[in-house]
Amino acid sequence: MKGGIDVGENKDSLRHKAKGAKDKAVGEMKDSYGDAADDKKKKAEGKTQKAKGHGHDAVGEAKEDRD
């Protein structure tokens, strides 16, 4: 057990969920910046990165359910 969390079998799942959280947060910042600066390219990058984050979450959930 590491830091109070059993990371044995779910290590891969947690890694995907962490990547998902990071991508969604960074994507949200890019999306918001794109709105504020009227930068369509940055807004599109943000939406793409948020979608990537949701994908990582889904993979993490699937791996967790598998175990």
Protein backbone atom coordinates (compact mmCIF):
# COMPACT_ATOMS: atom_id res chain seq x y z
CA MET A 1 0.00 0.00 0.00
CA LYS A 2 1.40 3.38 -0.99
CA GLY A 3 0.08 6.64 0.48
CA GLY A 4 -3.01 4.92 1.85
CA ILE A 5 -4.10 3.78 -1.60
CA ASP A 6 -3.70 0.21 -2.83
CA VAL A 7 -2.08 0.79 -6.20
CA GLY A 8 -1.30 -2.84 -7.00
CA GLU A 9 -3.75 -3.99 -9.65
CA ASN A 10 -5.34 -0.59 -10.22
CA LYS A 11 -2.11 1.27 -10.96
CA ASP A 12 -2.83 1.40 -14.69
CA SER A 13 -6.40 2.47 -14.03
CA LEU A 14 -5.28 5.30 -11.74
CA ARG A 15 -2.68 6.43 -14.28
CA HIS A 16 -5.34 6.77 -16.99
CA LYS A 17 -7.69 8.60 -14.64
CA ALA A 18 -4.92 11.03 -13.64
CA LYS A 19 -4.07 11.69 -17.30
CA GLY A 20 -7.77 12.22 -17.94
CA ALA A 21 -8.10 14.76 -15.13
CA LYS A 22 -5.03 16.65 -16.37
CA ASP A 23 -6.19 16.71 -19.98
CA LYS A 24 -9.68 17.86 -19.02
CA ALA A 25 -8.31 20.66 -16.83
CA VAL A 26 -5.80 21.89 -19.43
CA GLY A 27 -8.43 21.57 -22.14
CA GLU A 28 -10.87 23.65 -20.12
CA MET A 29 -8.25 26.38 -19.68
CA LYS A 30 -7.51 26.42 -23.43
CA ASP A 31 -11.23 26.48 -24.21
CA SER A 32 -11.81 29.38 -21.81
CA TYR A 33 -8.81 31.28 -23.15
CA GLY A 34 -10.08 30.73 -26.69
CA ASP A 35 -13.43 32.24 -25.69
CA ALA A 36 -11.87 35.24 -23.97
CA ALA A 37 -9.33 35.95 -26.71
CA ASP A 38 -11.67 35.03 -29.57
CA ASP A 39 -9.07 32.46 -30.65
CA LYS A 40 -10.88 29.70 -32.51
CA LYS A 41 -7.76 27.55 -32.86
CA LYS A 42 -7.08 27.57 -29.10
CA LYS A 43 -10.75 26.86 -28.39
CA ALA A 44 -10.64 23.86 -30.75
CA GLU A 45 -7.44 22.63 -29.08
CA GLY A 46 -9.20 22.85 -25.73
CA LYS A 47 -12.20 20.88 -26.90
CA THR A 48 -9.92 18.22 -28.41
CA GLN A 49 -7.86 17.94 -25.22
CA LYS A 50 -11.01 17.66 -23.09
CA ALA A 51 -12.23 14.84 -25.32
CA LYS A 52 -8.86 13.13 -24.94
CA GLY A 53 -9.27 13.43 -21.16
CA HIS A 54 -12.69 11.81 -21.28
CA GLY A 55 -11.13 9.00 -23.33
CA HIS A 56 -8.46 8.41 -20.68
CA ASP A 57 -11.19 8.33 -18.04
CA ALA A 58 -13.11 5.71 -20.00
CA VAL A 59 -10.02 3.54 -20.37
CA GLY A 60 -9.30 3.88 -16.66
CA GLU A 61 -12.85 2.87 -15.77
CA ALA A 62 -12.70 -0.11 -18.12
CA LYS A 63 -9.43 -1.31 -16.63
CA GLU A 64 -10.83 -0.86 -13.13
CA ASP A 65 -13.97 -2.83 -13.99
CA ARG A 66 -11.83 -5.57 -15.55
CA ASP A 67 -9.88 -6.08 -12.32
